[in-house]
């Protein structure tokens, strides 16, 4: 894992129904992200925020995939920034924004390693599957579609961003913490080849065993693992300020263990954290936890 980190903010909320997650990057910075990373011994460079169109100024376009063109253009810009960071030997740390930005993050990482003849894996920590397509989505919200796009299904504006399709082979993708899937999405998840670890798996097998297996799938014969953390992975009792909260999520300690194990693997090639909504948060609690989890993912230990 590179010692130097480049922070990239993406204040996007075009992919969601509930407004407010565009303030997530600011909330994480206010929670002391950069200084805490420096205390960890990392060199940190903050590239600022990518410019994102404001919803009030844009037509939402096709109802089946609202603001698709604007989201695609933003993800293109993000993909290039991620690709450039990796080419310079830096770890891209992407701050969202809604989860639609993951298409850009993974596209940039996939494009970089594709030039070296390598494929990447993905670890997706999320209450939701994010495996809808414009045809299956009940809402038309693109933040419910990025993982489907990454494994090659959905709108071409998203699936073709990396110059290779799929961006990650389904067998190299692990989805962890899932507890809320749409009916069509459930079918797609079962048939896609993605490794899905639901909350029941975590309840029955424990986070340690689940993460060991998930990381094994994602890192097997790949250049490394792109990590995407939606803060609704954590139970709302610990992370109340998220775009789409779902009861029954992982505990505070389970979340830290998941990220600590990712750090221990040494396989992470990019890291993004998304879906913090300060509008409904309590005293920036969720952003503060987000910073803690980033630190665990980057190697902070108790001892």
C-alpha atoms as a PDB file:
ATOM      1  CA  UNK A   1       0.000   0.000   0.000  1.00  0.00           C
ATOM      2  CA  UNK A   2       1.516   3.396  -0.991  1.00  0.00           C
ATOM      3  CA  UNK A   3       2.713   5.608   1.866  1.00  0.00           C
ATOM      4  CA  UNK A   4       1.435   8.785   0.213  1.00  0.00           C
ATOM      5  CA  UNK A   5      -2.290   9.466  -0.048  1.00  0.00           C
ATOM      6  CA  UNK A   6      -4.167  11.763  -2.393  1.00  0.00           C
ATOM      7  CA  UNK A   7      -7.589  12.849  -1.116  1.00  0.00           C
ATOM      8  CA  UNK A   8     -10.190  13.446  -3.832  1.00  0.00           C
ATOM      9  CA  UNK A   9     -13.572  14.908  -2.866  1.00  0.00           C
ATOM     10  CA  UNK A  10     -16.658  14.237  -4.967  1.00  0.00           C
ATOM     11  CA  UNK A  11     -19.609  16.272  -3.592  1.00  0.00           C
ATOM     12  CA  UNK A  12     -22.249  14.387  -5.576  1.00  0.00           C
ATOM     13  CA  UNK A  13     -25.866  13.823  -4.592  1.00  0.00           C
ATOM     14  CA  UNK A  14     -27.356  13.477  -8.095  1.00  0.00           C
ATOM     15  CA  UNK A  15     -27.587   9.695  -7.693  1.00  0.00           C
ATOM     16  CA  UNK A  16     -29.868   9.751  -4.637  1.00  0.00           C
ATOM     17  CA  UNK A  17     -33.403  10.872  -3.768  1.00  0.00           C
ATOM     18  CA  UNK A  18     -32.537  12.404  -0.396  1.00  0.00           C
ATOM     19  CA  UNK A  19     -30.352  15.493  -0.668  1.00  0.00           C
ATOM     20  CA  UNK A  20     -27.362  16.213   1.561  1.00  0.00           C
ATOM     21  CA  UNK A  21     -24.657  13.633   0.863  1.00  0.00           C
ATOM     22  CA  UNK A  22     -22.869  16.210  -1.303  1.00  0.00           C
ATOM     23  CA  UNK A  23     -21.659  17.658   2.012  1.00  0.00           C
ATOM     24  CA  UNK A  24     -19.992  14.370   2.989  1.00  0.00           C
ATOM     25  CA  UNK A  25     -16.469  15.339   1.857  1.00  0.00           C
ATOM     26  CA  UNK A  26     -16.624  18.531   3.927  1.00  0.00           C
ATOM     27  CA  UNK A  27     -17.904  16.635   6.972  1.00  0.00           C
ATOM     28  CA  UNK A  28     -14.972  14.214   6.797  1.00  0.00           C
ATOM     29  CA  UNK A  29     -12.475  17.040   6.464  1.00  0.00           C
ATOM     30  CA  UNK A  30     -14.079  18.891   9.393  1.00  0.00           C
ATOM     31  CA  UNK A  31     -13.748  15.674  11.426  1.00  0.00           C
ATOM     32  CA  UNK A  32      -9.963  16.011  11.097  1.00  0.00           C
ATOM     33  CA  UNK A  33      -9.240  13.497   8.356  1.00  0.00           C
ATOM     34  CA  UNK A  34      -6.008  15.017   7.078  1.00  0.00           C
ATOM     35  CA  UNK A  35      -4.410  15.647  10.478  1.00  0.00           C
ATOM     36  CA  UNK A  36      -5.359  12.166  11.687  1.00  0.00           C
ATOM     37  CA  UNK A  37      -3.781  10.604   8.595  1.00  0.00           C
ATOM     38  CA  UNK A  38      -0.596  12.568   9.209  1.00  0.00           C
ATOM     39  CA  UNK A  39      -0.552  11.332  12.820  1.00  0.00           C
ATOM     40  CA  UNK A  40      -0.617   7.837  11.339  1.00  0.00           C
ATOM     41  CA  UNK A  41       2.649   8.686   9.593  1.00  0.00           C
ATOM     42  CA  UNK A  42       1.194   9.067   6.101  1.00  0.00           C
ATOM     43  CA  UNK A  43       2.051  11.791   3.632  1.00  0.00           C
ATOM     44  CA  UNK A  44      -1.202  13.438   2.589  1.00  0.00           C
ATOM     45  CA  UNK A  45      -2.090  15.598  -0.377  1.00  0.00           C
ATOM     46  CA  UNK A  46      -5.622  17.000  -0.688  1.00  0.00           C
ATOM     47  CA  UNK A  47      -6.588  17.553  -4.329  1.00  0.00           C
ATOM     48  CA  UNK A  48      -9.803  19.322  -3.316  1.00  0.00           C
ATOM     49  CA  UNK A  49     -13.196  18.573  -4.835  1.00  0.00           C
ATOM     50  CA  UNK A  50     -14.228  17.642  -8.342  1.00  0.00           C
ATOM     51  CA  UNK A  51     -16.782  20.091  -9.723  1.00  0.00           C
ATOM     52  CA  UNK A  52     -20.227  18.466  -9.761  1.00  0.00           C
ATOM     53  CA  UNK A  53     -23.330  19.953 -11.455  1.00  0.00           C
ATOM     54  CA  UNK A  54     -26.047  21.090  -9.047  1.00  0.00           C
ATOM     55  CA  UNK A  55     -29.346  19.233  -9.248  1.00  0.00           C
ATOM     56  CA  UNK A  56     -31.338  22.480  -9.223  1.00  0.00           C
ATOM     57  CA  UNK A  57     -29.641  23.565 -12.449  1.00  0.00           C
ATOM     58  CA  UNK A  58     -30.052  20.285 -14.385  1.00  0.00           C
ATOM     59  CA  UNK A  59     -32.938  18.430 -16.037  1.00  0.00           C
ATOM     60  CA  UNK A  60     -33.053  14.995 -14.427  1.00  0.00           C
ATOM     61  CA  UNK A  61     -33.271  13.323 -17.823  1.00  0.00           C
ATOM     62  CA  UNK A  62     -34.462   9.748 -18.225  1.00  0.00           C
ATOM     63  CA  UNK A  63     -36.630   8.641 -15.289  1.00  0.00           C
ATOM     64  CA  UNK A  64     -35.055   5.176 -15.325  1.00  0.00           C
ATOM     65  CA  UNK A  65     -31.611   6.656 -14.591  1.00  0.00           C
ATOM     66  CA  UNK A  66     -31.938  10.207 -13.292  1.00  0.00           C
ATOM     67  CA  UNK A  67     -29.070  12.634 -14.038  1.00  0.00           C
ATOM     68  CA  UNK A  68     -27.226   9.824 -15.836  1.00  0.00           C
ATOM     69  CA  UNK A  69     -25.277  12.126 -18.179  1.00  0.00           C
ATOM     70  CA  UNK A  70     -24.100  14.424 -15.384  1.00  0.00           C
ATOM     71  CA  UNK A  71     -23.132  11.453 -13.194  1.00  0.00           C
ATOM     72  CA  UNK A  72     -21.257   9.828 -16.070  1.00  0.00           C
ATOM     73  CA  UNK A  73     -19.278  13.002 -16.798  1.00  0.00           C
ATOM     74  CA  UNK A  74     -18.368  13.406 -13.114  1.00  0.00           C
ATOM     75  CA  UNK A  75     -17.286   9.764 -12.916  1.00  0.00           C
ATOM     76  CA  UNK A  76     -15.120  10.262 -16.017  1.00  0.00           C
ATOM     77  CA  UNK A  77     -13.299  13.122 -14.311  1.00  0.00           C
ATOM     78  CA  UNK A  78     -12.916  11.051 -11.140  1.00  0.00           C
ATOM     79  CA  UNK A  79     -11.630   8.030 -13.073  1.00  0.00           C
ATOM     80  CA  UNK A  80      -8.880  10.138 -14.615  1.00  0.00           C
ATOM     81  CA  UNK A  81      -7.870  11.553 -11.212  1.00  0.00           C
ATOM     82  CA  UNK A  82      -7.755   8.061  -9.682  1.00  0.00           C
ATOM     83  CA  UNK A  83      -5.767   6.703 -12.628  1.00  0.00           C
ATOM     84  CA  UNK A  84      -3.290   9.579 -12.381  1.00  0.00           C
ATOM     85  CA  UNK A  85      -2.848   9.120  -8.615  1.00  0.00           C
ATOM     86  CA  UNK A  86      -2.044   5.440  -9.064  1.00  0.00           C
ATOM     87  CA  UNK A  87       0.343   6.207 -11.924  1.00  0.00           C
ATOM     88  CA  UNK A  88       2.197   8.584  -9.591  1.00  0.00           C
ATOM     89  CA  UNK A  89       2.450   5.905  -6.888  1.00  0.00           C
ATOM     90  CA  UNK A  90      -0.206   7.424  -4.595  1.00  0.00           C
ATOM     91  CA  UNK A  91      -3.192   5.796  -2.920  1.00  0.00           C
ATOM     92  CA  UNK A  92      -6.410   7.537  -4.037  1.00  0.00           C
ATOM     93  CA  UNK A  93      -8.721   8.216  -1.079  1.00  0.00           C
ATOM     94  CA  UNK A  94     -12.086   9.255  -2.521  1.00  0.00           C
ATOM     95  CA  UNK A  95     -14.666  11.047  -0.368  1.00  0.00           C
ATOM     96  CA  UNK A  96     -18.322  10.998  -1.421  1.00  0.00           C
ATOM     97  CA  UNK A  97     -20.985  11.919  -2.176  1.00  0.00           C
ATOM     98  CA  UNK A  98     -23.459   9.259  -3.116  1.00  0.00           C
ATOM     99  CA  UNK A  99     -22.406   5.769  -4.159  1.00  0.00           C
ATOM    100  CA  UNK A 100     -22.758   6.396  -7.898  1.00  0.00           C
ATOM    101  CA  UNK A 101     -19.213   7.813  -7.756  1.00  0.00           C
ATOM    102  CA  UNK A 102     -17.841   4.294  -7.245  1.00  0.00           C
ATOM    103  CA  UNK A 103     -18.081   3.716 -10.992  1.00  0.00           C
ATOM    104  CA  UNK A 104     -15.486   6.454 -11.471  1.00  0.00           C
ATOM    105  CA  UNK A 105     -13.199   5.233  -8.700  1.00  0.00           C
ATOM    106  CA  UNK A 106     -13.177   1.625  -9.899  1.00  0.00           C
ATOM    107  CA  UNK A 107     -12.932   2.671 -13.560  1.00  0.00           C
ATOM    108  CA  UNK A 108      -9.774   4.660 -12.828  1.00  0.00           C
ATOM    109  CA  UNK A 109      -8.167   1.811 -10.886  1.00  0.00           C
ATOM    110  CA  UNK A 110      -9.174  -0.782 -13.485  1.00  0.00           C
ATOM    111  CA  UNK A 111      -7.830   1.346 -16.358  1.00  0.00           C
ATOM    112  CA  UNK A 112      -4.498   1.869 -14.610  1.00  0.00           C
ATOM    113  CA  UNK A 113      -3.867  -1.804 -13.984  1.00  0.00           C
ATOM    114  CA  UNK A 114      -5.296  -2.858 -17.365  1.00  0.00           C
ATOM    115  CA  UNK A 115      -2.365  -1.019 -18.959  1.00  0.00           C
ATOM    116  CA  UNK A 116      -0.103  -3.391 -17.039  1.00  0.00           C
ATOM    117  CA  UNK A 117      -2.120  -6.408 -18.193  1.00  0.00           C
ATOM    118  CA  UNK A 118      -3.683  -6.934 -14.747  1.00  0.00           C
ATOM    119  CA  UNK A 119      -7.210  -7.127 -13.337  1.00  0.00           C
ATOM    120  CA  UNK A 120      -8.465  -5.755 -10.006  1.00  0.00           C
ATOM    121  CA  UNK A 121     -10.758  -7.046  -7.275  1.00  0.00           C
ATOM    122  CA  UNK A 122     -13.438  -5.145  -5.383  1.00  0.00           C
ATOM    123  CA  UNK A 123     -14.534  -5.255  -1.726  1.00  0.00           C
ATOM    124  CA  UNK A 124     -17.933  -3.531  -1.386  1.00  0.00           C
ATOM    125  CA  UNK A 125     -19.121  -2.851   2.180  1.00  0.00           C
ATOM    126  CA  UNK A 126     -22.791  -1.897   2.004  1.00  0.00           C
ATOM    127  CA  UNK A 127     -26.285  -2.513   3.372  1.00  0.00           C
ATOM    128  CA  UNK A 128     -27.542  -2.542  -0.220  1.00  0.00           C
ATOM    129  CA  UNK A 129     -26.613  -4.492  -3.330  1.00  0.00           C
ATOM    130  CA  UNK A 130     -26.266  -1.492  -5.673  1.00  0.00           C
ATOM    131  CA  UNK A 131     -26.854  -4.014  -8.454  1.00  0.00           C
ATOM    132  CA  UNK A 132     -29.851  -2.478 -10.188  1.00  0.00           C
ATOM    133  CA  UNK A 133     -29.897  -1.366 -13.818  1.00  0.00           C
ATOM    134  CA  UNK A 134     -32.107   1.290 -15.431  1.00  0.00           C
ATOM    135  CA  UNK A 135     -34.481  -1.512 -16.420  1.00  0.00           C
ATOM    136  CA  UNK A 136     -34.751  -3.045 -12.951  1.00  0.00           C
ATOM    137  CA  UNK A 137     -34.511   0.001 -10.679  1.00  0.00           C
ATOM    138  CA  UNK A 138     -37.748   0.914  -8.867  1.00  0.00           C
ATOM    139  CA  UNK A 139     -36.528   4.491  -8.288  1.00  0.00           C
ATOM    140  CA  UNK A 140     -34.237   5.463 -11.162  1.00  0.00           C
ATOM    141  CA  UNK A 141     -31.598   6.506  -8.615  1.00  0.00           C
ATOM    142  CA  UNK A 142     -28.148   5.799 -10.036  1.00  0.00           C
ATOM    143  CA  UNK A 143     -26.600   5.276  -6.580  1.00  0.00           C
ATOM    144  CA  UNK A 144     -28.395   1.925  -6.667  1.00  0.00           C
ATOM    145  CA  UNK A 145     -26.610   0.891  -9.895  1.00  0.00           C
ATOM    146  CA  UNK A 146     -22.812   1.230  -9.567  1.00  0.00           C
ATOM    147  CA  UNK A 147     -21.885  -2.350  -8.685  1.00  0.00           C
ATOM    148  CA  UNK A 148     -23.953  -3.702 -11.576  1.00  0.00           C
ATOM    149  CA  UNK A 149     -22.107  -1.307 -13.894  1.00  0.00           C
ATOM    150  CA  UNK A 150     -18.722  -2.363 -12.518  1.00  0.00           C
ATOM    151  CA  UNK A 151     -19.438  -6.019 -13.346  1.00  0.00           C
ATOM    152  CA  UNK A 152     -20.677  -5.043 -16.825  1.00  0.00           C
ATOM    153  CA  UNK A 153     -24.454  -4.556 -16.641  1.00  0.00           C
ATOM    154  CA  UNK A 154     -26.476  -1.393 -17.085  1.00  0.00           C
ATOM    155  CA  UNK A 155     -26.194   1.880 -18.970  1.00  0.00           C
ATOM    156  CA  UNK A 156     -23.273   2.181 -21.403  1.00  0.00           C
ATOM    157  CA  UNK A 157     -22.534   5.637 -19.981  1.00  0.00           C
ATOM    158  CA  UNK A 158     -21.366   3.808 -16.849  1.00  0.00           C
ATOM    159  CA  UNK A 159     -20.224   0.367 -18.000  1.00  0.00           C
ATOM    160  CA  UNK A 160     -17.842   1.716 -20.663  1.00  0.00           C
ATOM    161  CA  UNK A 161     -15.960   4.243 -18.494  1.00  0.00           C
ATOM    162  CA  UNK A 162     -12.824   2.170 -17.965  1.00  0.00           C
ATOM    163  CA  UNK A 163     -12.307   1.101 -21.570  1.00  0.00           C
ATOM    164  CA  UNK A 164     -12.810  -2.516 -20.520  1.00  0.00           C
ATOM    165  CA  UNK A 165     -15.956  -4.411 -19.617  1.00  0.00           C
ATOM    166  CA  UNK A 166     -16.412  -5.617 -16.976  1.00  0.00           C
ATOM    167  CA  UNK A 167     -14.178  -3.365 -14.877  1.00  0.00           C
ATOM    168  CA  UNK A 168     -13.891  -6.226 -12.383  1.00  0.00           C
ATOM    169  CA  UNK A 169     -14.802  -9.851 -12.957  1.00  0.00           C
ATOM    170  CA  UNK A 170     -17.771 -10.870 -10.755  1.00  0.00           C
ATOM    171  CA  UNK A 171     -15.691 -13.706  -9.258  1.00  0.00           C
ATOM    172  CA  UNK A 172     -13.302 -11.030  -7.931  1.00  0.00           C
ATOM    173  CA  UNK A 173     -16.052  -8.957  -6.273  1.00  0.00           C
ATOM    174  CA  UNK A 174     -17.126  -9.410  -2.637  1.00  0.00           C
ATOM    175  CA  UNK A 175     -20.241  -7.636  -1.325  1.00  0.00           C
ATOM    176  CA  UNK A 176     -20.388  -7.599   2.476  1.00  0.00           C
ATOM    177  CA  UNK A 177     -23.043  -6.571   5.014  1.00  0.00           C
ATOM    178  CA  UNK A 178     -26.014  -6.741   2.658  1.00  0.00           C
ATOM    179  CA  UNK A 179     -29.475  -6.661   4.208  1.00  0.00           C
ATOM    180  CA  UNK A 180     -31.731  -4.738   1.791  1.00  0.00           C
ATOM    181  CA  UNK A 181     -32.175  -5.929  -1.811  1.00  0.00           C
ATOM    182  CA  UNK A 182     -34.909  -5.218  -4.357  1.00  0.00           C
ATOM    183  CA  UNK A 183     -36.647  -8.289  -5.843  1.00  0.00           C
ATOM    184  CA  UNK A 184     -35.005  -8.045  -9.292  1.00  0.00           C
ATOM    185  CA  UNK A 185     -31.717  -7.058  -7.730  1.00  0.00           C
ATOM    186  CA  UNK A 186     -31.816 -10.177  -5.546  1.00  0.00           C
ATOM    187  CA  UNK A 187     -32.109 -12.348  -8.652  1.00  0.00           C
ATOM    188  CA  UNK A 188     -29.287 -10.521 -10.399  1.00  0.00           C
ATOM    189  CA  UNK A 189     -27.042 -10.826  -7.348  1.00  0.00           C
ATOM    190  CA  UNK A 190     -27.612 -14.600  -7.212  1.00  0.00           C
ATOM    191  CA  UNK A 191     -26.912 -15.083 -10.918  1.00  0.00           C
ATOM    192  CA  UNK A 192     -24.065 -12.597 -11.379  1.00  0.00           C
ATOM    193  CA  UNK A 193     -21.221 -14.570  -9.830  1.00  0.00           C
ATOM    194  CA  UNK A 194     -20.511 -11.841  -7.266  1.00  0.00           C
ATOM    195  CA  UNK A 195     -19.756 -13.219  -3.790  1.00  0.00           C
ATOM    196  CA  UNK A 196     -22.489 -11.853  -1.503  1.00  0.00           C
ATOM    197  CA  UNK A 197     -22.045 -12.026   2.277  1.00  0.00           C
ATOM    198  CA  UNK A 198     -25.274 -10.966   3.964  1.00  0.00           C
ATOM    199  CA  UNK A 199     -25.774  -9.934   7.566  1.00  0.00           C
ATOM    200  CA  UNK A 200     -26.906 -13.471   8.269  1.00  0.00           C
ATOM    201  CA  UNK A 201     -23.492 -14.720   7.120  1.00  0.00           C
ATOM    202  CA  UNK A 202     -21.847 -12.279   9.513  1.00  0.00           C
ATOM    203  CA  UNK A 203     -24.207 -13.285  12.335  1.00  0.00           C
ATOM    204  CA  UNK A 204     -23.573 -17.003  11.850  1.00  0.00           C
ATOM    205  CA  UNK A 205     -19.908 -17.069  10.829  1.00  0.00           C
ATOM    206  CA  UNK A 206     -18.489 -13.901  12.372  1.00  0.00           C
ATOM    207  CA  UNK A 207     -16.810 -10.965  10.697  1.00  0.00           C
ATOM    208  CA  UNK A 208     -13.342 -12.522  10.789  1.00  0.00           C
ATOM    209  CA  UNK A 209     -14.288 -15.572   8.734  1.00  0.00           C
ATOM    210  CA  UNK A 210     -16.438 -13.551   6.318  1.00  0.00           C
ATOM    211  CA  UNK A 211     -13.704 -10.980   5.669  1.00  0.00           C
ATOM    212  CA  UNK A 212     -11.039 -13.658   5.238  1.00  0.00           C
ATOM    213  CA  UNK A 213     -13.103 -15.332   2.527  1.00  0.00           C
ATOM    214  CA  UNK A 214     -14.176 -12.048   0.914  1.00  0.00           C
ATOM    215  CA  UNK A 215     -10.587 -10.833   0.662  1.00  0.00           C
ATOM    216  CA  UNK A 216      -9.448 -14.163  -0.710  1.00  0.00           C
ATOM    217  CA  UNK A 217     -11.964 -13.937  -3.562  1.00  0.00           C
ATOM    218  CA  UNK A 218     -11.143 -10.281  -4.309  1.00  0.00           C
ATOM    219  CA  UNK A 219      -7.356 -10.653  -4.234  1.00  0.00           C
ATOM    220  CA  UNK A 220      -7.006 -14.029  -5.957  1.00  0.00           C
ATOM    221  CA  UNK A 221      -4.964 -13.450  -9.135  1.00  0.00           C
ATOM    222  CA  UNK A 222      -5.617  -9.679  -9.102  1.00  0.00           C
ATOM    223  CA  UNK A 223      -3.350  -6.635  -8.839  1.00  0.00           C
ATOM    224  CA  UNK A 224      -5.129  -5.601  -5.657  1.00  0.00           C
ATOM    225  CA  UNK A 225      -8.464  -4.587  -4.211  1.00  0.00           C
ATOM    226  CA  UNK A 226     -10.518  -1.424  -4.662  1.00  0.00           C
ATOM    227  CA  UNK A 227     -12.382  -0.855  -1.390  1.00  0.00           C
ATOM    228  CA  UNK A 228     -15.770   0.898  -1.388  1.00  0.00           C
ATOM    229  CA  UNK A 229     -17.292   1.683   2.014  1.00  0.00           C
ATOM    230  CA  UNK A 230     -20.866   2.915   2.216  1.00  0.00           C
ATOM    231  CA  UNK A 231     -21.406   4.156   5.758  1.00  0.00           C
ATOM    232  CA  UNK A 232     -24.818   2.428   5.890  1.00  0.00           C
ATOM    233  CA  UNK A 233     -22.744  -0.762   6.218  1.00  0.00           C
ATOM    234  CA  UNK A 234     -22.698   0.185   9.909  1.00  0.00           C
ATOM    235  CA  UNK A 235     -25.863  -0.008  12.008  1.00  0.00           C
ATOM    236  CA  UNK A 236     -27.716   3.345  12.238  1.00  0.00           C
ATOM    237  CA  UNK A 237     -27.239   3.342  16.012  1.00  0.00           C
ATOM    238  CA  UNK A 238     -23.545   4.087  15.346  1.00  0.00           C
ATOM    239  CA  UNK A 239     -23.882   5.794  11.943  1.00  0.00           C
ATOM    240  CA  UNK A 240     -27.162   7.764  11.956  1.00  0.00           C
ATOM    241  CA  UNK A 241     -26.220  10.274   9.263  1.00  0.00           C
ATOM    242  CA  UNK A 242     -26.394   8.193   6.096  1.00  0.00           C
ATOM    243  CA  UNK A 243     -28.369   8.541   2.887  1.00  0.00           C
ATOM    244  CA  UNK A 244     -30.383   5.305   3.210  1.00  0.00           C
ATOM    245  CA  UNK A 245     -30.150   3.829   6.731  1.00  0.00           C
ATOM    246  CA  UNK A 246     -31.154   0.192   7.325  1.00  0.00           C
ATOM    247  CA  UNK A 247     -31.457  -1.363  10.782  1.00  0.00           C
ATOM    248  CA  UNK A 248     -29.492  -4.483  11.642  1.00  0.00           C
ATOM    249  CA  UNK A 249     -26.083  -3.458  10.349  1.00  0.00           C
ATOM    250  CA  UNK A 250     -22.611  -4.277  11.594  1.00  0.00           C
ATOM    251  CA  UNK A 251     -21.512  -3.060  15.014  1.00  0.00           C
ATOM    252  CA  UNK A 252     -18.845  -0.469  15.713  1.00  0.00           C
ATOM    253  CA  UNK A 253     -16.246  -3.132  16.461  1.00  0.00           C
ATOM    254  CA  UNK A 254     -17.232  -5.385  13.544  1.00  0.00           C
ATOM    255  CA  UNK A 255     -16.768  -2.429  11.190  1.00  0.00           C
ATOM    256  CA  UNK A 256     -13.313  -1.720  12.589  1.00  0.00           C
ATOM    257  CA  UNK A 257     -12.330  -5.383  12.334  1.00  0.00           C
ATOM    258  CA  UNK A 258     -13.397  -5.461   8.661  1.00  0.00           C
ATOM    259  CA  UNK A 259     -11.209  -2.456   7.868  1.00  0.00           C
ATOM    260  CA  UNK A 260      -8.321  -3.701  10.025  1.00  0.00           C
ATOM    261  CA  UNK A 261      -8.316  -6.961   8.094  1.00  0.00           C
ATOM    262  CA  UNK A 262      -8.272  -5.065   4.803  1.00  0.00           C
ATOM    263  CA  UNK A 263      -5.216  -3.163   6.051  1.00  0.00           C
ATOM    264  CA  UNK A 264      -3.556  -6.399   7.176  1.00  0.00           C
ATOM    265  CA  UNK A 265      -4.047  -7.905   3.716  1.00  0.00           C
ATOM    266  CA  UNK A 266      -1.880  -5.195   2.129  1.00  0.00           C
ATOM    267  CA  UNK A 267      -4.017  -5.551  -0.998  1.00  0.00           C
ATOM    268  CA  UNK A 268      -5.837  -2.201  -1.095  1.00  0.00           C
ATOM    269  CA  UNK A 269      -5.209  -0.114  -4.233  1.00  0.00           C
ATOM    270  CA  UNK A 270      -7.935   2.525  -3.729  1.00  0.00           C
ATOM    271  CA  UNK A 271     -10.309   3.498  -0.940  1.00  0.00           C
ATOM    272  CA  UNK A 272     -13.563   5.390  -1.065  1.00  0.00           C
ATOM    273  CA  UNK A 273     -16.084   6.288   1.614  1.00  0.00           C
ATOM    274  CA  UNK A 274     -19.572   7.434   0.628  1.00  0.00           C
ATOM    275  CA  UNK A 275     -23.132   8.304   1.678  1.00  0.00           C
ATOM    276  CA  UNK A 276     -22.520  10.492   4.748  1.00  0.00           C
ATOM    277  CA  UNK A 277     -25.429  12.941   5.061  1.00  0.00           C
ATOM    278  CA  UNK A 278     -24.654  15.728   7.566  1.00  0.00           C
ATOM    279  CA  UNK A 279     -28.241  17.053   7.234  1.00  0.00           C
ATOM    280  CA  UNK A 280     -29.542  14.124   9.278  1.00  0.00           C
ATOM    281  CA  UNK A 281     -26.400  13.378  11.318  1.00  0.00           C
ATOM    282  CA  UNK A 282     -25.921  14.060  15.036  1.00  0.00           C
ATOM    283  CA  UNK A 283     -22.975  16.365  15.805  1.00  0.00           C
ATOM    284  CA  UNK A 284     -20.958  14.925  12.867  1.00  0.00           C
ATOM    285  CA  UNK A 285     -20.991  11.498  14.552  1.00  0.00           C
ATOM    286  CA  UNK A 286     -21.057   9.564  11.281  1.00  0.00           C
ATOM    287  CA  UNK A 287     -18.221  11.539   9.707  1.00  0.00           C
ATOM    288  CA  UNK A 288     -16.116  11.068  12.844  1.00  0.00           C
ATOM    289  CA  UNK A 289     -16.703   7.325  12.656  1.00  0.00           C
ATOM    290  CA  UNK A 290     -15.892   7.462   8.944  1.00  0.00           C
ATOM    291  CA  UNK A 291     -12.501   8.988   9.746  1.00  0.00           C
ATOM    292  CA  UNK A 292     -11.867   6.267  12.339  1.00  0.00           C
ATOM    293  CA  UNK A 293     -12.697   3.546   9.808  1.00  0.00           C
ATOM    294  CA  UNK A 294     -10.453   5.131   7.180  1.00  0.00           C
ATOM    295  CA  UNK A 295      -7.612   5.063   9.703  1.00  0.00           C
ATOM    296  CA  UNK A 296      -8.254   1.393  10.471  1.00  0.00           C
ATOM    297  CA  UNK A 297      -8.283   0.627   6.747  1.00  0.00           C
ATOM    298  CA  UNK A 298      -4.937   2.388   6.396  1.00  0.00           C
ATOM    299  CA  UNK A 299      -3.221   0.486   9.152  1.00  0.00           C
ATOM    300  CA  UNK A 300      -4.045   2.062  12.526  1.00  0.00           C
ATOM    301  CA  UNK A 301      -3.827  -0.570  15.257  1.00  0.00           C
ATOM    302  CA  UNK A 302      -4.792  -0.725  18.911  1.00  0.00           C
ATOM    303  CA  UNK A 303      -1.261  -1.896  19.740  1.00  0.00           C
END
